[in-house]
C-alpha atoms as a PDB file:
ATOM      1  CA  MET A   1      61.059 148.532 111.499  1.00  0.00           C
ATOM      2  CA  SER A   2      61.325 144.800 113.325  1.00  0.00           C
ATOM      3  CA  LEU A   3      63.917 143.832 116.406  1.00  0.00           C
ATOM      4  CA  PHE A   4      65.641 141.343 113.373  1.00  0.00           C
ATOM      5  CA  ASP A   5      66.282 144.690 111.632  1.00  0.00           C
ATOM      6  CA  SER A   6      67.207 146.415 114.651  1.00  0.00           C
ATOM      7  CA  TYR A   7      69.909 143.643 116.016  1.00  0.00           C
ATOM      8  CA  GLY A   8      70.235 141.195 112.995  1.00  0.00           C
ATOM      9  CA  ALA A   9      69.723 137.917 115.348  1.00  0.00           C
ATOM     10  CA  TYR A  10      67.071 136.177 118.184  1.00  0.00           C
ATOM     11  CA  ARG A  11      68.695 137.260 121.239  1.00  0.00           C
ATOM     12  CA  GLY A  12      66.442 135.921 124.929  1.00  0.00           C
ATOM     13  CA  ARG A  13      67.569 136.045 128.260  1.00  0.00           C
ATOM     14  CA  PHE A  14      66.766 134.494 131.896  1.00  0.00           C
ATOM     15  CA  ALA A  15      67.063 136.988 134.591  1.00  0.00           C
ATOM     16  CA  PRO A  16      66.406 135.952 138.327  1.00  0.00           C
ATOM     17  CA  SER A  17      67.018 137.702 141.291  1.00  0.00           C
ATOM     18  CA  PRO A  18      69.853 136.118 143.366  1.00  0.00           C
ATOM     19  CA  SER A  19      67.151 136.035 146.972  1.00  0.00           C
ATOM     20  CA  GLY A  20      67.662 131.678 147.049  1.00  0.00           C
ATOM     21  CA  PRO A  21      68.498 128.675 144.911  1.00  0.00           C
ATOM     22  CA  LEU A  22      65.964 128.380 141.986  1.00  0.00           C
ATOM     23  CA  HIS A  23      63.046 126.164 142.256  1.00  0.00           C
ATOM     24  CA  PHE A  24      61.185 124.021 140.237  1.00  0.00           C
ATOM     25  CA  GLY A  25      59.206 126.756 138.660  1.00  0.00           C
ATOM     26  CA  SER A  26      62.462 129.345 137.988  1.00  0.00           C
ATOM     27  CA  LEU A  27      63.203 126.608 135.856  1.00  0.00           C
ATOM     28  CA  VAL A  28      60.474 126.050 133.978  1.00  0.00           C
ATOM     29  CA  ALA A  29      61.395 129.706 133.136  1.00  0.00           C
ATOM     30  CA  ALA A  30      64.797 129.092 132.487  1.00  0.00           C
ATOM     31  CA  LEU A  31      64.346 126.035 130.837  1.00  0.00           C
ATOM     32  CA  ALA A  32      61.388 127.426 128.045  1.00  0.00           C
ATOM     33  CA  SER A  33      63.393 130.534 127.015  1.00  0.00           C
ATOM     34  CA  TYR A  34      67.066 128.813 126.463  1.00  0.00           C
ATOM     35  CA  LEU A  35      64.844 126.150 123.919  1.00  0.00           C
ATOM     36  CA  ASP A  36      62.617 129.050 122.520  1.00  0.00           C
ATOM     37  CA  ALA A  37      66.557 130.933 121.810  1.00  0.00           C
ATOM     38  CA  LYS A  38      68.043 127.578 120.797  1.00  0.00           C
ATOM     39  CA  ALA A  39      65.537 126.407 118.158  1.00  0.00           C
ATOM     40  CA  ASN A  40      65.127 129.803 116.671  1.00  0.00           C
ATOM     41  CA  LYS A  41      69.285 129.239 116.514  1.00  0.00           C
ATOM     42  CA  GLY A  42      69.505 131.908 118.622  1.00  0.00           C
ATOM     43  CA  THR A  43      71.765 133.916 121.766  1.00  0.00           C
ATOM     44  CA  TRP A  44      70.463 132.580 125.380  1.00  0.00           C
ATOM     45  CA  LEU A  45      72.083 135.074 127.780  1.00  0.00           C
ATOM     46  CA  VAL A  46      71.700 135.379 131.756  1.00  0.00           C
ATOM     47  CA  ARG A  47      70.992 138.891 133.552  1.00  0.00           C
ATOM     48  CA  ILE A  48      71.110 138.316 137.660  1.00  0.00           C
ATOM     49  CA  GLU A  49      68.489 141.106 138.769  1.00  0.00           C
ATOM     50  CA  ASP A  50      70.341 141.508 142.148  1.00  0.00           C
ATOM     51  CA  ILE A  51      69.037 145.985 142.436  1.00  0.00           C
ATOM     52  CA  ASP A  52      66.753 144.851 145.119  1.00  0.00           C
ATOM     53  CA  THR A  53      69.662 144.502 147.276  1.00  0.00           C
ATOM     54  CA  PRO A  54      67.712 143.691 150.980  1.00  0.00           C
ATOM     55  CA  ARG A  55      66.637 140.425 148.911  1.00  0.00           C
ATOM     56  CA  VAL A  56      69.731 139.890 148.117  1.00  0.00           C
ATOM     57  CA  VAL A  57      71.156 136.460 149.749  1.00  0.00           C
ATOM     58  CA  ALA A  58      74.866 135.685 150.002  1.00  0.00           C
ATOM     59  CA  GLY A  59      76.111 133.191 147.358  1.00  0.00           C
ATOM     60  CA  SER A  60      72.333 133.069 145.521  1.00  0.00           C
ATOM     61  CA  SER A  61      74.164 134.156 142.104  1.00  0.00           C
ATOM     62  CA  ASP A  62      77.207 131.711 141.837  1.00  0.00           C
ATOM     63  CA  LEU A  63      74.301 128.995 143.038  1.00  0.00           C
ATOM     64  CA  ILE A  64      72.179 130.280 139.964  1.00  0.00           C
ATOM     65  CA  LEU A  65      74.937 129.913 137.392  1.00  0.00           C
ATOM     66  CA  LYS A  66      76.153 126.516 139.375  1.00  0.00           C
ATOM     67  CA  THR A  67      72.255 125.372 138.901  1.00  0.00           C
ATOM     68  CA  LEU A  68      72.696 126.288 135.582  1.00  0.00           C
ATOM     69  CA  GLU A  69      75.260 124.313 134.671  1.00  0.00           C
ATOM     70  CA  ALA A  70      74.182 121.328 135.639  1.00  0.00           C
ATOM     71  CA  TYR A  71      71.188 121.790 134.178  1.00  0.00           C
ATOM     72  CA  GLY A  72      72.936 121.982 131.074  1.00  0.00           C
ATOM     73  CA  LEU A  73      71.696 125.512 130.452  1.00  0.00           C
ATOM     74  CA  TYR A  74      74.632 127.024 129.387  1.00  0.00           C
ATOM     75  CA  TRP A  75      74.337 131.303 128.524  1.00  0.00           C
ATOM     76  CA  ASP A  76      76.292 132.406 125.338  1.00  0.00           C
ATOM     77  CA  ASP A  77      78.062 135.786 126.816  1.00  0.00           C
ATOM     78  CA  LYS A  78      79.343 137.711 129.858  1.00  0.00           C
ATOM     79  CA  VAL A  79      76.934 137.104 132.740  1.00  0.00           C
ATOM     80  CA  SER A  80      75.448 140.314 133.631  1.00  0.00           C
ATOM     81  CA  TYR A  81      74.408 142.211 136.651  1.00  0.00           C
ATOM     82  CA  GLN A  82      72.440 145.100 137.500  1.00  0.00           C
ATOM     83  CA  SER A  83      74.237 146.419 140.447  1.00  0.00           C
ATOM     84  CA  GLN A  84      77.077 146.880 138.396  1.00  0.00           C
ATOM     85  CA  ASN A  85      74.813 148.736 135.635  1.00  0.00           C
ATOM     86  CA  ILE A  86      73.485 151.774 138.693  1.00  0.00           C
ATOM     87  CA  PRO A  87      75.690 154.911 137.033  1.00  0.00           C
ATOM     88  CA  HIS A  88      73.900 153.770 133.567  1.00  0.00           C
ATOM     89  CA  TYR A  89      70.287 153.714 134.924  1.00  0.00           C
ATOM     90  CA  GLU A  90      71.609 157.178 136.840  1.00  0.00           C
ATOM     91  CA  ASN A  91      72.236 158.725 133.464  1.00  0.00           C
ATOM     92  CA  VAL A  92      68.649 157.589 132.217  1.00  0.00           C
ATOM     93  CA  LEU A  93      66.882 158.788 134.892  1.00  0.00           C
ATOM     94  CA  GLU A  94      68.526 162.275 135.077  1.00  0.00           C
ATOM     95  CA  GLN A  95      68.222 162.773 130.932  1.00  0.00           C
ATOM     96  CA  LEU A  96      64.170 161.582 132.488  1.00  0.00           C
ATOM     97  CA  ARG A  97      64.478 164.836 134.803  1.00  0.00           C
ATOM     98  CA  SER A  98      65.538 167.203 132.191  1.00  0.00           C
ATOM     99  CA  GLN A  99      62.626 166.044 130.064  1.00  0.00           C
ATOM    100  CA  GLN A 100      60.432 166.604 133.581  1.00  0.00           C
ATOM    101  CA  LEU A 101      58.889 163.120 132.619  1.00  0.00           C
ATOM    102  CA  VAL A 102      58.985 162.268 136.129  1.00  0.00           C
ATOM    103  CA  TYR A 103      58.103 163.625 139.858  1.00  0.00           C
ATOM    104  CA  GLY A 104      58.124 163.215 143.468  1.00  0.00           C
ATOM    105  CA  CYS A 105      55.522 160.871 145.416  1.00  0.00           C
ATOM    106  CA  GLN A 106      54.936 160.837 148.807  1.00  0.00           C
ATOM    107  CA  CYS A 107      52.134 158.095 148.957  1.00  0.00           C
ATOM    108  CA  THR A 108      52.548 155.297 150.780  1.00  0.00           C
ATOM    109  CA  ARG A 109      50.439 152.062 150.025  1.00  0.00           C
ATOM    110  CA  LYS A 110      48.349 152.639 152.646  1.00  0.00           C
ATOM    111  CA  GLN A 111      46.707 155.615 151.333  1.00  0.00           C
ATOM    112  CA  ILE A 112      47.375 153.991 147.785  1.00  0.00           C
ATOM    113  CA  LYS A 113      45.303 150.673 149.367  1.00  0.00           C
ATOM    114  CA  ALA A 114      43.029 153.184 150.994  1.00  0.00           C
ATOM    115  CA  CYS A 115      41.793 154.339 147.346  1.00  0.00           C
ATOM    116  CA  GLY A 116      41.347 151.724 145.502  1.00  0.00           C
ATOM    117  CA  GLY A 117      44.709 149.861 145.342  1.00  0.00           C
ATOM    118  CA  PHE A 118      45.660 152.115 142.117  1.00  0.00           C
ATOM    119  CA  TYR A 119      47.203 154.877 142.142  1.00  0.00           C
ATOM    120  CA  HIS A 120      45.783 158.010 140.339  1.00  0.00           C
ATOM    121  CA  ASN A 121      48.316 160.512 140.195  1.00  0.00           C
ATOM    122  CA  THR A 122      48.017 162.150 142.967  1.00  0.00           C
ATOM    123  CA  CYS A 123      51.198 163.752 143.431  1.00  0.00           C
ATOM    124  CA  ARG A 124      52.024 164.895 139.887  1.00  0.00           C
ATOM    125  CA  GLU A 125      51.859 168.311 139.791  1.00  0.00           C
ATOM    126  CA  LEU A 126      52.751 169.031 143.474  1.00  0.00           C
ATOM    127  CA  ASN A 127      56.285 169.412 141.930  1.00  0.00           C
ATOM    128  CA  LEU A 128      57.545 167.316 145.086  1.00  0.00           C
ATOM    129  CA  PRO A 129      62.072 167.144 145.558  1.00  0.00           C
ATOM    130  CA  LEU A 130      62.699 164.280 144.464  1.00  0.00           C
ATOM    131  CA  ASP A 131      65.195 163.551 147.372  1.00  0.00           C
ATOM    132  CA  HIS A 132      63.176 161.617 149.978  1.00  0.00           C
ATOM    133  CA  ASN A 133      60.370 161.014 148.056  1.00  0.00           C
ATOM    134  CA  ALA A 134      59.649 157.780 145.762  1.00  0.00           C
ATOM    135  CA  ILE A 135      59.885 158.851 141.868  1.00  0.00           C
ATOM    136  CA  ARG A 136      57.119 158.278 139.633  1.00  0.00           C
ATOM    137  CA  LEU A 137      57.282 157.850 136.071  1.00  0.00           C
ATOM    138  CA  LYS A 138      54.793 160.054 134.138  1.00  0.00           C
ATOM    139  CA  GLN A 139      52.763 157.583 132.126  1.00  0.00           C
ATOM    140  CA  ALA A 140      53.110 159.094 128.533  1.00  0.00           C
ATOM    141  CA  HIS A 141      52.130 156.377 126.424  1.00  0.00           C
ATOM    142  CA  PRO A 142      49.546 153.273 128.150  1.00  0.00           C
ATOM    143  CA  VAL A 143      49.277 150.093 126.727  1.00  0.00           C
ATOM    144  CA  TYR A 144      46.156 148.610 127.670  1.00  0.00           C
ATOM    145  CA  GLN A 145      46.804 145.441 125.430  1.00  0.00           C
ATOM    146  CA  PHE A 146      49.425 143.596 123.666  1.00  0.00           C
ATOM    147  CA  VAL A 147      49.682 140.225 121.716  1.00  0.00           C
ATOM    148  CA  ASP A 148      51.348 137.133 124.132  1.00  0.00           C
ATOM    149  CA  GLY A 149      53.498 134.885 121.601  1.00  0.00           C
ATOM    150  CA  ILE A 150      51.487 132.325 124.052  1.00  0.00           C
ATOM    151  CA  ARG A 151      48.604 133.278 125.191  1.00  0.00           C
ATOM    152  CA  GLY A 152      48.195 135.722 122.377  1.00  0.00           C
ATOM    153  CA  GLN A 153      46.349 139.531 123.326  1.00  0.00           C
ATOM    154  CA  ILE A 154      45.855 139.979 127.110  1.00  0.00           C
ATOM    155  CA  ASN A 155      44.209 142.783 128.122  1.00  0.00           C
ATOM    156  CA  VAL A 156      44.056 145.252 131.177  1.00  0.00           C
ATOM    157  CA  SER A 157      43.085 147.684 133.206  1.00  0.00           C
ATOM    158  CA  ALA A 158      42.997 150.819 132.096  1.00  0.00           C
ATOM    159  CA  ASN A 159      43.627 152.560 136.135  1.00  0.00           C
ATOM    160  CA  PHE A 160      46.850 150.168 135.747  1.00  0.00           C
ATOM    161  CA  ALA A 161      48.177 150.844 132.460  1.00  0.00           C
ATOM    162  CA  LYS A 162      46.859 154.960 133.263  1.00  0.00           C
ATOM    163  CA  GLU A 163      49.052 154.219 136.290  1.00  0.00           C
ATOM    164  CA  ASP A 164      52.069 156.594 137.169  1.00  0.00           C
ATOM    165  CA  TYR A 165      54.676 153.806 138.316  1.00  0.00           C
ATOM    166  CA  ILE A 166      57.812 154.611 140.207  1.00  0.00           C
ATOM    167  CA  VAL A 167      61.010 154.054 138.674  1.00  0.00           C
ATOM    168  CA  LYS A 168      63.114 154.703 141.848  1.00  0.00           C
ATOM    169  CA  ARG A 169      61.730 153.719 145.263  1.00  0.00           C
ATOM    170  CA  ARG A 170      61.739 155.939 148.737  1.00  0.00           C
ATOM    171  CA  ASP A 171      65.235 154.061 150.024  1.00  0.00           C
ATOM    172  CA  GLN A 172      67.072 155.099 146.781  1.00  0.00           C
ATOM    173  CA  LEU A 173      66.904 151.683 145.806  1.00  0.00           C
ATOM    174  CA  PHE A 174      65.966 151.794 141.726  1.00  0.00           C
ATOM    175  CA  ALA A 175      62.476 150.325 140.684  1.00  0.00           C
ATOM    176  CA  TYR A 176      62.633 146.629 138.452  1.00  0.00           C
ATOM    177  CA  GLN A 177      60.119 148.232 135.439  1.00  0.00           C
ATOM    178  CA  LEU A 178      62.755 150.951 134.785  1.00  0.00           C
ATOM    179  CA  VAL A 179      65.722 148.583 134.825  1.00  0.00           C
ATOM    180  CA  VAL A 180      64.640 145.814 132.987  1.00  0.00           C
ATOM    181  CA  VAL A 181      64.329 147.935 130.324  1.00  0.00           C
ATOM    182  CA  LEU A 182      67.126 149.536 130.148  1.00  0.00           C
ATOM    183  CA  ASP A 183      68.905 146.347 130.369  1.00  0.00           C
ATOM    184  CA  ASP A 184      67.016 144.663 127.689  1.00  0.00           C
ATOM    185  CA  ILE A 185      67.409 147.436 125.087  1.00  0.00           C
ATOM    186  CA  GLN A 186      71.077 147.500 126.532  1.00  0.00           C
ATOM    187  CA  GLN A 187      71.629 143.907 125.591  1.00  0.00           C
ATOM    188  CA  LYS A 188      69.855 144.135 122.486  1.00  0.00           C
ATOM    189  CA  ILE A 189      66.548 141.657 124.117  1.00  0.00           C
ATOM    190  CA  THR A 190      64.676 140.721 121.058  1.00  0.00           C
ATOM    191  CA  HIS A 191      62.733 137.900 122.616  1.00  0.00           C
ATOM    192  CA  ILE A 192      61.067 137.695 126.314  1.00  0.00           C
ATOM    193  CA  VAL A 193      60.397 134.336 127.451  1.00  0.00           C
ATOM    194  CA  ARG A 194      59.055 134.269 131.575  1.00  0.00           C
ATOM    195  CA  GLY A 195      56.507 133.592 133.876  1.00  0.00           C
ATOM    196  CA  ALA A 196      53.286 134.420 133.715  1.00  0.00           C
ATOM    197  CA  ASP A 197      53.075 136.285 137.006  1.00  0.00           C
ATOM    198  CA  LEU A 198      54.634 139.781 134.979  1.00  0.00           C
ATOM    199  CA  LEU A 199      51.626 139.674 132.037  1.00  0.00           C
ATOM    200  CA  ASP A 200      50.429 142.234 133.841  1.00  0.00           C
ATOM    201  CA  PRO A 201      53.447 144.723 134.230  1.00  0.00           C
ATOM    202  CA  THR A 202      54.297 143.347 130.833  1.00  0.00           C
ATOM    203  CA  VAL A 203      51.848 146.835 129.342  1.00  0.00           C
ATOM    204  CA  ARG A 204      53.812 149.228 131.583  1.00  0.00           C
ATOM    205  CA  GLN A 205      57.244 148.125 130.018  1.00  0.00           C
ATOM    206  CA  ILE A 206      55.958 148.338 126.514  1.00  0.00           C
ATOM    207  CA  SER A 207      55.185 151.785 127.192  1.00  0.00           C
ATOM    208  CA  LEU A 208      58.628 152.894 128.564  1.00  0.00           C
ATOM    209  CA  PHE A 209      60.486 151.176 125.517  1.00  0.00           C
ATOM    210  CA  LYS A 210      58.172 153.833 123.564  1.00  0.00           C
ATOM    211  CA  MET A 211      58.737 156.072 125.239  1.00  0.00           C
ATOM    212  CA  LEU A 212      62.491 155.392 125.302  1.00  0.00           C
ATOM    213  CA  SER A 213      62.340 155.360 121.359  1.00  0.00           C
ATOM    214  CA  GLN A 214      63.295 152.270 121.135  1.00  0.00           C
ATOM    215  CA  PRO A 215      61.599 148.426 119.567  1.00  0.00           C
ATOM    216  CA  ILE A 216      60.110 146.127 121.780  1.00  0.00           C
ATOM    217  CA  PRO A 217      60.998 142.148 122.281  1.00  0.00           C
ATOM    218  CA  GLN A 218      58.263 139.988 121.493  1.00  0.00           C
ATOM    219  CA  PHE A 219      56.632 138.908 124.498  1.00  0.00           C
ATOM    220  CA  SER A 220      55.391 135.654 125.761  1.00  0.00           C
ATOM    221  CA  HIS A 221      54.685 133.977 129.293  1.00  0.00           C
ATOM    222  CA  VAL A 222      54.636 130.471 130.254  1.00  0.00           C
ATOM    223  CA  PRO A 223      52.255 128.867 133.138  1.00  0.00           C
ATOM    224  CA  LEU A 224      53.099 129.615 136.519  1.00  0.00           C
ATOM    225  CA  ALA A 225      54.397 126.964 138.898  1.00  0.00           C
ATOM    226  CA  VAL A 226      51.819 126.262 142.151  1.00  0.00           C
ATOM    227  CA  ALA A 227      51.829 124.345 145.276  1.00  0.00           C
ATOM    228  CA  GLU A 228      48.228 125.185 145.184  1.00  0.00           C
ATOM    229  CA  PRO A 229      46.134 127.429 143.222  1.00  0.00           C
ATOM    230  CA  GLY A 230      47.327 131.202 143.839  1.00  0.00           C
ATOM    231  CA  PHE A 231      50.356 130.321 145.981  1.00  0.00           C
ATOM    232  CA  LYS A 232      52.970 130.074 143.255  1.00  0.00           C
ATOM    233  CA  LEU A 233      56.866 128.604 144.152  1.00  0.00           C
ATOM    234  CA  SER A 234      59.119 131.140 144.653  1.00  0.00           C
ATOM    235  CA  LYS A 235      62.130 131.356 147.125  1.00  0.00           C
ATOM    236  CA  GLN A 236      59.733 133.795 149.442  1.00  0.00           C
ATOM    237  CA  ASN A 237      56.862 130.565 149.664  1.00  0.00           C
ATOM    238  CA  HIS A 238      60.306 128.604 150.873  1.00  0.00           C
ATOM    239  CA  ALA A 239      60.099 126.309 147.978  1.00  0.00           C
ATOM    240  CA  PRO A 240      62.486 123.349 148.008  1.00  0.00           C
ATOM    241  CA  ALA A 241      65.714 123.834 145.648  1.00  0.00           C
ATOM    242  CA  ILE A 242      66.074 121.363 142.707  1.00  0.00           C
ATOM    243  CA  ASP A 243      68.116 118.985 142.756  1.00  0.00           C
ATOM    244  CA  LEU A 244      72.159 119.414 141.215  1.00  0.00           C
ATOM    245  CA  GLN A 245      73.092 115.973 140.835  1.00  0.00           C
ATOM    246  CA  ASN A 246      70.224 114.032 139.015  1.00  0.00           C
ATOM    247  CA  PRO A 247      69.264 116.978 136.993  1.00  0.00           C
ATOM    248  CA  ASN A 248      67.762 114.408 133.951  1.00  0.00           C
ATOM    249  CA  LEU A 249      63.609 114.267 135.512  1.00  0.00           C
ATOM    250  CA  THR A 250      63.603 117.348 136.683  1.00  0.00           C
ATOM    251  CA  LEU A 251      64.248 118.268 133.587  1.00  0.00           C
ATOM    252  CA  ILE A 252      61.525 115.906 131.843  1.00  0.00           C
ATOM    253  CA  ASP A 253      59.134 116.907 134.662  1.00  0.00           C
ATOM    254  CA  ALA A 254      59.880 120.637 133.270  1.00  0.00           C
ATOM    255  CA  LEU A 255      59.388 119.508 129.441  1.00  0.00           C
ATOM    256  CA  ARG A 256      55.912 118.065 130.880  1.00  0.00           C
ATOM    257  CA  PHE A 257      54.776 121.126 132.348  1.00  0.00           C
ATOM    258  CA  LEU A 258      55.630 123.110 129.277  1.00  0.00           C
ATOM    259  CA  GLY A 259      53.121 120.961 127.164  1.00  0.00           C
ATOM    260  CA  ILE A 260      56.287 119.721 125.028  1.00  0.00           C
ATOM    261  CA  ALA A 261      56.716 116.338 126.245  1.00  0.00           C
ATOM    262  CA  ASN A 262      53.505 113.970 126.962  1.00  0.00           C
ATOM    263  CA  ASP A 263      53.989 110.415 129.248  1.00  0.00           C
ATOM    264  CA  SER A 264      54.888 108.377 126.952  1.00  0.00           C
ATOM    265  CA  ASP A 265      58.185 111.010 125.520  1.00  0.00           C
ATOM    266  CA  ALA A 266      59.141 111.154 129.461  1.00  0.00           C
ATOM    267  CA  HIS A 267      59.491 107.501 129.387  1.00  0.00           C
ATOM    268  CA  GLN A 268      61.106 107.250 126.866  1.00  0.00           C
ATOM    269  CA  LEU A 269      63.541 110.227 127.584  1.00  0.00           C
ATOM    270  CA  ALA A 270      64.412 108.783 131.282  1.00  0.00           C
ATOM    271  CA  PHE A 271      66.652 106.622 129.359  1.00  0.00           C
ATOM    272  CA  ALA A 272      68.859 109.719 127.552  1.00  0.00           C
ATOM    273  CA  SER A 273      71.269 111.719 128.426  1.00  0.00           C
ATOM    274  CA  ARG A 274      70.686 115.446 129.956  1.00  0.00           C
ATOM    275  CA  ASP A 275      72.419 116.696 126.922  1.00  0.00           C
ATOM    276  CA  GLU A 276      70.155 114.355 124.616  1.00  0.00           C
ATOM    277  CA  ILE A 277      67.073 115.633 126.734  1.00  0.00           C
ATOM    278  CA  LEU A 278      67.589 119.143 125.832  1.00  0.00           C
ATOM    279  CA  SER A 279      68.381 118.284 121.878  1.00  0.00           C
ATOM    280  CA  TRP A 280      64.676 116.891 121.862  1.00  0.00           C
ATOM    281  CA  GLY A 281      63.479 119.239 123.692  1.00  0.00           C
ATOM    282  CA  THR A 282      64.663 122.177 121.726  1.00  0.00           C
ATOM    283  CA  ALA A 283      63.455 119.828 118.517  1.00  0.00           C
ATOM    284  CA  GLN A 284      60.115 119.671 119.708  1.00  0.00           C
ATOM    285  CA  TRP A 285      59.544 123.033 121.236  1.00  0.00           C
ATOM    286  CA  ALA A 286      57.038 125.588 119.848  1.00  0.00           C
ATOM    287  CA  LEU A 287      55.361 128.385 121.852  1.00  0.00           C
ATOM    288  CA  ASN A 288      52.324 126.916 120.140  1.00  0.00           C
ATOM    289  CA  LYS A 289      52.708 123.684 121.870  1.00  0.00           C
ATOM    290  CA  VAL A 290      53.100 124.893 125.861  1.00  0.00           C
ATOM    291  CA  HIS A 291      49.902 125.430 127.957  1.00  0.00           C
ATOM    292  CA  GLN A 292      48.160 128.587 127.985  1.00  0.00           C
ATOM    293  CA  THR A 293      46.744 128.228 131.326  1.00  0.00           C
ATOM    294  CA  GLN A 294      47.901 130.810 133.959  1.00  0.00           C
ATOM    295  CA  GLU A 295      48.575 128.615 136.473  1.00  0.00           C
ATOM    296  CA  ILE A 296      49.856 124.674 137.249  1.00  0.00           C
ATOM    297  CA  GLN A 297      49.646 122.696 140.469  1.00  0.00           C
ATOM    298  CA  VAL A 298      52.742 121.072 141.210  1.00  0.00           C
ATOM    299  CA  ILE A 299      52.218 117.838 142.794  1.00  0.00           C
ATOM    300  CA  PRO A 300      55.143 115.415 144.122  1.00  0.00           C
ATOM    301  CA  HIS A 301      55.084 112.342 143.604  1.00  0.00           C
ATOM    302  CA  ASP A 302      57.476 109.002 144.312  1.00  0.00           C
ATOM    303  CA  GLN A 303      60.028 110.518 142.437  1.00  0.00           C
ATOM    304  CA  GLN A 304      58.226 113.192 139.518  1.00  0.00           C
ATOM    305  CA  PHE A 305      55.717 115.549 139.811  1.00  0.00           C
ATOM    306  CA  ARG A 306      52.257 115.176 138.819  1.00  0.00           C
ATOM    307  CA  PHE A 307      50.269 118.470 137.074  1.00  0.00           C
ATOM    308  CA  LYS A 308      47.230 119.867 137.352  1.00  0.00           C
ATOM    309  CA  ALA A 309      46.472 122.946 135.166  1.00  0.00           C
ATOM    310  CA  LEU A 310      43.813 125.737 137.062  1.00  0.00           C
END
């Protein structure tokens, strides 16, 4: 059964964490997901992933939404917030507990690193209490590969695919791997376009969709914007915020980064309005035009960027 059979229409989303203002790499992910939704005459949603409260920066959620509006990336339904969905996460976790699909784990990151960096399901049979321990999900449907809408077949290591992973942390915060899937199910997401840093975790999310007997979205991963090889633009790395006052050149740069616009297109679009740029991008959009590389280096040059595929 396809997602269109289940849900009836294309539904995509952009799901930033409110740990700082949007930077160029964030814009690339937002624009790609927006264009894919609009080119398919679908619905584009915005979800604020604020479940990791220690990383939340006050005022960031409002600033992110203000930035999206400044760039003409208007969402089609009410913005959702993970922090408002905790009762749902608790309910699902209780169902998993009642089915004996989760267990307490006392292993530290240091211990796991000493064992080669992969968790070998050490605590699965120890019957440790769930309170005051991390809670791991028993991996019942390991996924070793999937077909990405941009990159084609993606393979991951067997150790990673078979690993029982954390769904609730020792500090009692829910883990990304659980809540992102529950949110996508709840919002009936059919297509996910996001950054290539999430390629490997996708197999865990696919396995959880299977465990919950839910349709699996189409995943597509755009290249990461990096300042230098292996050093992605991110809020944690203090990447500069994008300009809210003059969005046009940055939008054009994002289209160039993705492979949708070439230098000649960029020259012509320099005289277009913001909405004309987005309309042009929607008309030109196709996943097979997007660069398939893992990383693209972003090099400041005058008022625009230069890019180097890595």
